[in-house]
C-alpha cells in the first residue's frame, strides 16, 4: 500500500483512562477535520475496561456488573465498529486519527492496512507468524486472536483503532465473548513467546511498521506538543 507521502505524528502516552483517551481522540479529530493538525497516531494502555461497539450485543458480556465492579473493570458503549472488546494493562492500544482522503477513501483498505502493519511487526521483530482471516477483522495466530480492531470514520477522519495483546491478564477475556466470537480463542505475544514482553517495548517498535504500511513519515512528538497543536 503506497500513497502520496504525508507525515504522521505519533505520541506514546503510557497508561490513560478510557474517558480521557476518548476526549483526546475527539479533539484531535476536530482539529484534523479543520486541517489544524497532521495525521496522528496515539499509542497507550488503558486500565481494565470492556467496550461495546455499534454492532455489539450485551449478551456477549458473561460477567455480572457486580463481578466487573469487583475486578475494577469499567463498561462503555462506544461508536466504533465491532462487538464486545476488552482493554487493559498489557495491551498496546493504537488510535490512528488520520485523513483517509490521503489514503484512498477506502475503509476496508484502511482496516487491512492496520492488520498488515501488525502482522509485519510480529513477524519481523518477534518471528511470530500471524495471519489475516477473511471474514474476521483482526490478526490471528492459528485460531486465536492476538489483535482486535474496531474503528469509526466521520468526514473521512478515523478514530478508535486496535488493541494488540502483548501481556494482558488473559483471565479477563473469560468475562466476554471477544468480538462476539464463541468458537475461537485469544492469545498474547508473551504467551506465544513464553516470555514477558512489555507494552513499552512494542510501542517503540510499532510506528515503523505503521509508517511503512501506509507510506507515511513517522514523527514522534510529546503530549505537550500535541496539546499545543489543539489550542
C-alpha atoms as a PDB file:
ATOM      1  CA  UNK A   1       0.000   0.000   0.000  1.00  0.00           C
ATOM      2  CA  UNK A   2       1.684   3.215  -1.136  1.00  0.00           C
ATOM      3  CA  UNK A   3       0.018   6.610  -1.140  1.00  0.00           C
ATOM      4  CA  UNK A   4       1.322  10.166  -1.617  1.00  0.00           C
ATOM      5  CA  UNK A   5       3.931  10.961   1.002  1.00  0.00           C
ATOM      6  CA  UNK A   6       2.440  12.601   4.072  1.00  0.00           C
ATOM      7  CA  UNK A   7       3.661  12.832   7.634  1.00  0.00           C
ATOM      8  CA  UNK A   8       2.066  11.203  10.659  1.00  0.00           C
ATOM      9  CA  UNK A   9       2.878  12.332  14.176  1.00  0.00           C
ATOM     10  CA  UNK A  10       2.803   9.748  16.938  1.00  0.00           C
ATOM     11  CA  UNK A  11       2.842  10.061  20.698  1.00  0.00           C
ATOM     12  CA  UNK A  12       3.411   7.385  23.331  1.00  0.00           C
ATOM     13  CA  UNK A  13       1.074   8.221  26.195  1.00  0.00           C
ATOM     14  CA  UNK A  14       1.643   5.418  28.696  1.00  0.00           C
ATOM     15  CA  UNK A  15      -1.464   4.479  30.682  1.00  0.00           C
ATOM     16  CA  UNK A  16      -4.509   6.708  30.144  1.00  0.00           C
ATOM     17  CA  UNK A  17      -8.128   6.349  31.231  1.00  0.00           C
ATOM     18  CA  UNK A  18     -10.612   5.372  28.560  1.00  0.00           C
ATOM     19  CA  UNK A  19     -12.594   8.619  29.086  1.00  0.00           C
ATOM     20  CA  UNK A  20      -9.508  10.806  28.664  1.00  0.00           C
ATOM     21  CA  UNK A  21      -8.466   8.918  25.539  1.00  0.00           C
ATOM     22  CA  UNK A  22     -11.947   9.327  24.019  1.00  0.00           C
ATOM     23  CA  UNK A  23     -11.883  13.055  24.678  1.00  0.00           C
ATOM     24  CA  UNK A  24      -8.381  13.385  23.229  1.00  0.00           C
ATOM     25  CA  UNK A  25      -9.397  11.496  20.096  1.00  0.00           C
ATOM     26  CA  UNK A  26     -12.404  13.765  19.601  1.00  0.00           C
ATOM     27  CA  UNK A  27     -10.264  16.890  19.994  1.00  0.00           C
ATOM     28  CA  UNK A  28      -7.678  15.613  17.512  1.00  0.00           C
ATOM     29  CA  UNK A  29     -10.374  14.529  15.020  1.00  0.00           C
ATOM     30  CA  UNK A  30     -11.957  18.006  15.111  1.00  0.00           C
ATOM     31  CA  UNK A  31      -8.558  19.592  14.576  1.00  0.00           C
ATOM     32  CA  UNK A  32      -7.820  17.180  11.729  1.00  0.00           C
ATOM     33  CA  UNK A  33     -11.119  17.983  10.011  1.00  0.00           C
ATOM     34  CA  UNK A  34     -10.196  21.670  10.227  1.00  0.00           C
ATOM     35  CA  UNK A  35      -6.682  20.851   8.963  1.00  0.00           C
ATOM     36  CA  UNK A  36      -5.162  22.341  12.118  1.00  0.00           C
ATOM     37  CA  UNK A  37      -3.134  19.208  12.821  1.00  0.00           C
ATOM     38  CA  UNK A  38      -1.433  16.456  10.872  1.00  0.00           C
ATOM     39  CA  UNK A  39      -2.366  12.785  10.959  1.00  0.00           C
ATOM     40  CA  UNK A  40      -1.732  11.489  14.483  1.00  0.00           C
ATOM     41  CA  UNK A  41      -1.223   8.039  15.998  1.00  0.00           C
ATOM     42  CA  UNK A  42      -1.817   7.615  19.737  1.00  0.00           C
ATOM     43  CA  UNK A  43      -0.134   4.656  21.453  1.00  0.00           C
ATOM     44  CA  UNK A  44      -1.170   3.840  25.011  1.00  0.00           C
ATOM     45  CA  UNK A  45      -2.537   1.396  27.590  1.00  0.00           C
ATOM     46  CA  UNK A  46      -5.894   1.503  29.351  1.00  0.00           C
ATOM     47  CA  UNK A  47      -6.963   0.461  32.836  1.00  0.00           C
ATOM     48  CA  UNK A  48      -9.322  -2.556  32.591  1.00  0.00           C
ATOM     49  CA  UNK A  49     -12.431  -1.735  30.528  1.00  0.00           C
ATOM     50  CA  UNK A  50     -14.977  -3.572  28.408  1.00  0.00           C
ATOM     51  CA  UNK A  51     -16.411  -1.711  25.439  1.00  0.00           C
ATOM     52  CA  UNK A  52     -19.471  -2.483  23.310  1.00  0.00           C
ATOM     53  CA  UNK A  53     -19.322  -1.332  19.697  1.00  0.00           C
ATOM     54  CA  UNK A  54     -22.111  -0.359  17.305  1.00  0.00           C
ATOM     55  CA  UNK A  55     -22.941  -3.959  16.416  1.00  0.00           C
ATOM     56  CA  UNK A  56     -22.402  -5.194  19.957  1.00  0.00           C
ATOM     57  CA  UNK A  57     -24.643  -7.467  21.970  1.00  0.00           C
ATOM     58  CA  UNK A  58     -24.601  -7.183  25.758  1.00  0.00           C
ATOM     59  CA  UNK A  59     -25.190 -10.963  25.919  1.00  0.00           C
ATOM     60  CA  UNK A  60     -21.540 -11.322  24.909  1.00  0.00           C
ATOM     61  CA  UNK A  61     -20.594  -9.960  28.342  1.00  0.00           C
ATOM     62  CA  UNK A  62     -20.570 -13.056  30.548  1.00  0.00           C
ATOM     63  CA  UNK A  63     -19.696 -11.475  33.885  1.00  0.00           C
ATOM     64  CA  UNK A  64     -22.271  -9.681  36.020  1.00  0.00           C
ATOM     65  CA  UNK A  65     -21.908  -5.987  36.800  1.00  0.00           C
ATOM     66  CA  UNK A  66     -21.076  -6.974  40.383  1.00  0.00           C
ATOM     67  CA  UNK A  67     -18.155  -9.118  39.221  1.00  0.00           C
ATOM     68  CA  UNK A  68     -16.960  -6.381  36.851  1.00  0.00           C
ATOM     69  CA  UNK A  69     -17.048  -3.855  39.690  1.00  0.00           C
ATOM     70  CA  UNK A  70     -15.195  -6.248  41.988  1.00  0.00           C
ATOM     71  CA  UNK A  71     -12.480  -6.678  39.341  1.00  0.00           C
ATOM     72  CA  UNK A  72     -12.332  -2.922  38.735  1.00  0.00           C
ATOM     73  CA  UNK A  73     -13.464  -3.241  35.115  1.00  0.00           C
ATOM     74  CA  UNK A  74     -15.445  -0.311  33.686  1.00  0.00           C
ATOM     75  CA  UNK A  75     -18.075  -0.746  30.948  1.00  0.00           C
ATOM     76  CA  UNK A  76     -18.578   1.630  27.999  1.00  0.00           C
ATOM     77  CA  UNK A  77     -20.846   1.733  24.961  1.00  0.00           C
ATOM     78  CA  UNK A  78     -18.995   3.436  22.092  1.00  0.00           C
ATOM     79  CA  UNK A  79     -19.450   4.346  18.428  1.00  0.00           C
ATOM     80  CA  UNK A  80     -16.718   2.170  16.933  1.00  0.00           C
ATOM     81  CA  UNK A  81     -17.444  -0.774  14.695  1.00  0.00           C
ATOM     82  CA  UNK A  82     -17.490  -4.271  16.116  1.00  0.00           C
ATOM     83  CA  UNK A  83     -18.898  -6.066  19.129  1.00  0.00           C
ATOM     84  CA  UNK A  84     -17.596  -6.542  22.679  1.00  0.00           C
ATOM     85  CA  UNK A  85     -13.900  -5.962  23.368  1.00  0.00           C
ATOM     86  CA  UNK A  86     -11.706  -5.974  26.463  1.00  0.00           C
ATOM     87  CA  UNK A  87      -8.927  -3.424  27.008  1.00  0.00           C
ATOM     88  CA  UNK A  88      -6.478  -3.484  29.886  1.00  0.00           C
ATOM     89  CA  UNK A  89      -2.881  -3.199  31.074  1.00  0.00           C
ATOM     90  CA  UNK A  90      -0.560  -5.293  28.934  1.00  0.00           C
ATOM     91  CA  UNK A  91      -2.312  -4.327  25.695  1.00  0.00           C
ATOM     92  CA  UNK A  92      -0.854  -1.903  23.189  1.00  0.00           C
ATOM     93  CA  UNK A  93      -3.732   0.330  22.150  1.00  0.00           C
ATOM     94  CA  UNK A  94      -3.323   2.238  18.896  1.00  0.00           C
ATOM     95  CA  UNK A  95      -5.659   5.068  17.878  1.00  0.00           C
ATOM     96  CA  UNK A  96      -4.798   6.453  14.434  1.00  0.00           C
ATOM     97  CA  UNK A  97      -6.584   9.745  13.751  1.00  0.00           C
ATOM     98  CA  UNK A  98      -5.852  10.128  10.066  1.00  0.00           C
ATOM     99  CA  UNK A  99      -7.488  11.610   6.980  1.00  0.00           C
ATOM    100  CA  UNK A 100      -8.485   8.802   4.637  1.00  0.00           C
ATOM    101  CA  UNK A 101      -8.717  11.343   1.823  1.00  0.00           C
ATOM    102  CA  UNK A 102      -4.941  10.831   1.650  1.00  0.00           C
ATOM    103  CA  UNK A 103      -5.314   7.050   1.766  1.00  0.00           C
ATOM    104  CA  UNK A 104      -7.744   6.085  -0.951  1.00  0.00           C
ATOM    105  CA  UNK A 105     -11.023   6.879   0.871  1.00  0.00           C
ATOM    106  CA  UNK A 106     -11.398   3.149   1.405  1.00  0.00           C
ATOM    107  CA  UNK A 107     -12.332   1.926   4.893  1.00  0.00           C
ATOM    108  CA  UNK A 108     -11.753  -1.747   4.075  1.00  0.00           C
ATOM    109  CA  UNK A 109      -8.312  -0.937   2.708  1.00  0.00           C
ATOM    110  CA  UNK A 110      -7.596   1.044   5.873  1.00  0.00           C
ATOM    111  CA  UNK A 111      -8.581  -1.871   8.123  1.00  0.00           C
ATOM    112  CA  UNK A 112      -6.435  -4.191   6.009  1.00  0.00           C
ATOM    113  CA  UNK A 113      -3.541  -1.762   6.411  1.00  0.00           C
ATOM    114  CA  UNK A 114      -3.784  -1.879  10.203  1.00  0.00           C
ATOM    115  CA  UNK A 115      -3.870  -5.679  10.073  1.00  0.00           C
ATOM    116  CA  UNK A 116      -0.844  -5.765   7.746  1.00  0.00           C
ATOM    117  CA  UNK A 117       1.168  -3.415   9.952  1.00  0.00           C
ATOM    118  CA  UNK A 118       0.640  -5.650  12.997  1.00  0.00           C
ATOM    119  CA  UNK A 119       1.438  -8.829  11.042  1.00  0.00           C
ATOM    120  CA  UNK A 120       4.685  -7.226   9.809  1.00  0.00           C
ATOM    121  CA  UNK A 121       5.647  -6.079  13.326  1.00  0.00           C
ATOM    122  CA  UNK A 122       5.142  -9.525  14.843  1.00  0.00           C
ATOM    123  CA  UNK A 123       6.948 -11.323  12.029  1.00  0.00           C
ATOM    124  CA  UNK A 124       9.978  -9.070  11.698  1.00  0.00           C
ATOM    125  CA  UNK A 125      10.531  -8.141  15.342  1.00  0.00           C
ATOM    126  CA  UNK A 126       9.472 -11.367  17.094  1.00  0.00           C
ATOM    127  CA  UNK A 127       9.493 -14.089  14.397  1.00  0.00           C
ATOM    128  CA  UNK A 128       5.822 -14.757  15.180  1.00  0.00           C
ATOM    129  CA  UNK A 129       3.735 -15.842  12.200  1.00  0.00           C
ATOM    130  CA  UNK A 130       0.217 -14.407  12.253  1.00  0.00           C
ATOM    131  CA  UNK A 131      -2.456 -14.124   9.627  1.00  0.00           C
ATOM    132  CA  UNK A 132      -5.413 -12.119   8.415  1.00  0.00           C
ATOM    133  CA  UNK A 133      -8.542 -14.264   8.191  1.00  0.00           C
ATOM    134  CA  UNK A 134     -11.230 -13.299   5.690  1.00  0.00           C
ATOM    135  CA  UNK A 135     -14.495 -12.507   7.430  1.00  0.00           C
ATOM    136  CA  UNK A 136     -12.837 -11.924  10.825  1.00  0.00           C
ATOM    137  CA  UNK A 137     -11.396  -8.445  11.339  1.00  0.00           C
ATOM    138  CA  UNK A 138      -8.188  -8.540  13.373  1.00  0.00           C
ATOM    139  CA  UNK A 139      -4.942 -10.504  13.482  1.00  0.00           C
ATOM    140  CA  UNK A 140      -4.821 -14.221  14.257  1.00  0.00           C
ATOM    141  CA  UNK A 141      -2.288 -16.748  15.483  1.00  0.00           C
ATOM    142  CA  UNK A 142      -3.774 -20.044  14.371  1.00  0.00           C
ATOM    143  CA  UNK A 143      -7.326 -19.995  15.793  1.00  0.00           C
ATOM    144  CA  UNK A 144      -6.578 -17.415  18.476  1.00  0.00           C
ATOM    145  CA  UNK A 145      -6.899 -13.655  18.080  1.00  0.00           C
ATOM    146  CA  UNK A 146      -3.910 -11.556  19.100  1.00  0.00           C
ATOM    147  CA  UNK A 147      -5.148  -8.154  17.894  1.00  0.00           C
ATOM    148  CA  UNK A 148      -8.678  -6.732  17.752  1.00  0.00           C
ATOM    149  CA  UNK A 149      -9.641  -3.820  15.507  1.00  0.00           C
ATOM    150  CA  UNK A 150     -12.654  -1.509  15.569  1.00  0.00           C
ATOM    151  CA  UNK A 151     -12.817   1.964  14.022  1.00  0.00           C
ATOM    152  CA  UNK A 152     -15.056   4.932  13.369  1.00  0.00           C
ATOM    153  CA  UNK A 153     -14.813   7.128  10.265  1.00  0.00           C
ATOM    154  CA  UNK A 154     -16.509  10.523  10.058  1.00  0.00           C
ATOM    155  CA  UNK A 155     -15.792  13.021   7.268  1.00  0.00           C
ATOM    156  CA  UNK A 156     -13.062  10.515   6.280  1.00  0.00           C
ATOM    157  CA  UNK A 157     -11.287  11.095   9.616  1.00  0.00           C
ATOM    158  CA  UNK A 158     -10.621   7.918  11.594  1.00  0.00           C
ATOM    159  CA  UNK A 159     -10.872   7.339  15.350  1.00  0.00           C
ATOM    160  CA  UNK A 160     -10.618   4.286  17.600  1.00  0.00           C
ATOM    161  CA  UNK A 161      -8.249   1.596  16.293  1.00  0.00           C
ATOM    162  CA  UNK A 162      -6.587  -1.586  17.501  1.00  0.00           C
ATOM    163  CA  UNK A 163      -5.696  -3.495  20.663  1.00  0.00           C
ATOM    164  CA  UNK A 164      -2.655  -5.782  20.433  1.00  0.00           C
ATOM    165  CA  UNK A 165      -2.355  -8.327  23.228  1.00  0.00           C
ATOM    166  CA  UNK A 166       1.225  -8.034  24.451  1.00  0.00           C
ATOM    167  CA  UNK A 167       0.977  -9.328  28.026  1.00  0.00           C
ATOM    168  CA  UNK A 168      -2.536  -8.675  29.415  1.00  0.00           C
ATOM    169  CA  UNK A 169      -4.376 -10.554  32.159  1.00  0.00           C
ATOM    170  CA  UNK A 170      -5.798 -13.320  29.969  1.00  0.00           C
ATOM    171  CA  UNK A 171      -8.326 -14.276  32.663  1.00  0.00           C
ATOM    172  CA  UNK A 172     -10.253 -11.085  31.904  1.00  0.00           C
ATOM    173  CA  UNK A 173     -11.093 -12.348  28.418  1.00  0.00           C
ATOM    174  CA  UNK A 174     -13.130 -15.137  30.011  1.00  0.00           C
ATOM    175  CA  UNK A 175     -15.619 -12.453  31.049  1.00  0.00           C
ATOM    176  CA  UNK A 176     -16.716 -11.869  27.431  1.00  0.00           C
ATOM    177  CA  UNK A 177     -17.146 -13.493  24.060  1.00  0.00           C
ATOM    178  CA  UNK A 178     -14.385 -11.384  22.452  1.00  0.00           C
ATOM    179  CA  UNK A 179     -15.769  -9.597  19.374  1.00  0.00           C
ATOM    180  CA  UNK A 180     -18.843 -11.792  19.745  1.00  0.00           C
ATOM    181  CA  UNK A 181     -16.895 -14.847  18.548  1.00  0.00           C
ATOM    182  CA  UNK A 182     -17.562 -18.033  20.517  1.00  0.00           C
ATOM    183  CA  UNK A 183     -15.603 -20.698  18.638  1.00  0.00           C
ATOM    184  CA  UNK A 184     -12.124 -19.139  18.647  1.00  0.00           C
ATOM    185  CA  UNK A 185      -9.690 -18.197  21.389  1.00  0.00           C
ATOM    186  CA  UNK A 186      -7.489 -15.271  22.402  1.00  0.00           C
ATOM    187  CA  UNK A 187      -3.735 -15.202  22.868  1.00  0.00           C
ATOM    188  CA  UNK A 188      -0.901 -12.757  23.568  1.00  0.00           C
ATOM    189  CA  UNK A 189       2.634 -12.130  22.374  1.00  0.00           C
ATOM    190  CA  UNK A 190       4.076 -13.093  25.767  1.00  0.00           C
ATOM    191  CA  UNK A 191       2.121 -16.356  25.763  1.00  0.00           C
ATOM    192  CA  UNK A 192       3.309 -17.273  22.256  1.00  0.00           C
ATOM    193  CA  UNK A 193       6.945 -16.485  23.045  1.00  0.00           C
ATOM    194  CA  UNK A 194       6.748 -17.926  26.576  1.00  0.00           C
ATOM    195  CA  UNK A 195       8.468 -14.849  27.957  1.00  0.00           C
ATOM    196  CA  UNK A 196       7.395 -11.450  29.209  1.00  0.00           C
ATOM    197  CA  UNK A 197       7.203  -8.691  26.610  1.00  0.00           C
ATOM    198  CA  UNK A 198       6.311  -5.148  27.682  1.00  0.00           C
ATOM    199  CA  UNK A 199       3.924  -2.747  26.021  1.00  0.00           C
ATOM    200  CA  UNK A 200       6.589  -0.046  26.123  1.00  0.00           C
ATOM    201  CA  UNK A 201       8.934  -2.243  24.079  1.00  0.00           C
ATOM    202  CA  UNK A 202       6.309  -2.917  21.406  1.00  0.00           C
ATOM    203  CA  UNK A 203       5.150   0.719  21.360  1.00  0.00           C
ATOM    204  CA  UNK A 204       8.677   1.768  20.418  1.00  0.00           C
ATOM    205  CA  UNK A 205       8.786  -0.701  17.526  1.00  0.00           C
ATOM    206  CA  UNK A 206       5.302  -0.336  16.063  1.00  0.00           C
ATOM    207  CA  UNK A 207       5.391   3.154  14.444  1.00  0.00           C
ATOM    208  CA  UNK A 208       7.956   1.985  11.877  1.00  0.00           C
ATOM    209  CA  UNK A 209       5.502  -0.603  10.568  1.00  0.00           C
ATOM    210  CA  UNK A 210       2.542   1.767  10.546  1.00  0.00           C
ATOM    211  CA  UNK A 211       4.629   4.201   8.518  1.00  0.00           C
ATOM    212  CA  UNK A 212       5.833   1.564   6.078  1.00  0.00           C
ATOM    213  CA  UNK A 213       2.353   0.157   5.546  1.00  0.00           C
ATOM    214  CA  UNK A 214       0.646   3.485   4.955  1.00  0.00           C
ATOM    215  CA  UNK A 215       3.552   5.146   3.161  1.00  0.00           C
ATOM    216  CA  UNK A 216       3.960   7.967   5.675  1.00  0.00           C
ATOM    217  CA  UNK A 217       6.895   9.514   7.508  1.00  0.00           C
ATOM    218  CA  UNK A 218       6.531   8.917  11.253  1.00  0.00           C
ATOM    219  CA  UNK A 219       7.424  11.770  13.597  1.00  0.00           C
ATOM    220  CA  UNK A 220       7.382  11.323  17.381  1.00  0.00           C
ATOM    221  CA  UNK A 221       6.034  14.208  19.452  1.00  0.00           C
ATOM    222  CA  UNK A 222       5.247  14.705  23.134  1.00  0.00           C
ATOM    223  CA  UNK A 223       1.796  15.045  24.691  1.00  0.00           C
ATOM    224  CA  UNK A 224       2.623  18.684  25.423  1.00  0.00           C
ATOM    225  CA  UNK A 225       3.430  19.318  21.762  1.00  0.00           C
ATOM    226  CA  UNK A 226       0.244  17.550  20.722  1.00  0.00           C
ATOM    227  CA  UNK A 227      -1.864  19.542  23.176  1.00  0.00           C
ATOM    228  CA  UNK A 228      -0.277  22.745  21.915  1.00  0.00           C
ATOM    229  CA  UNK A 229      -1.498  21.974  18.400  1.00  0.00           C
ATOM    230  CA  UNK A 230      -5.076  21.615  19.638  1.00  0.00           C
ATOM    231  CA  UNK A 231      -5.395  25.072  21.188  1.00  0.00           C
END
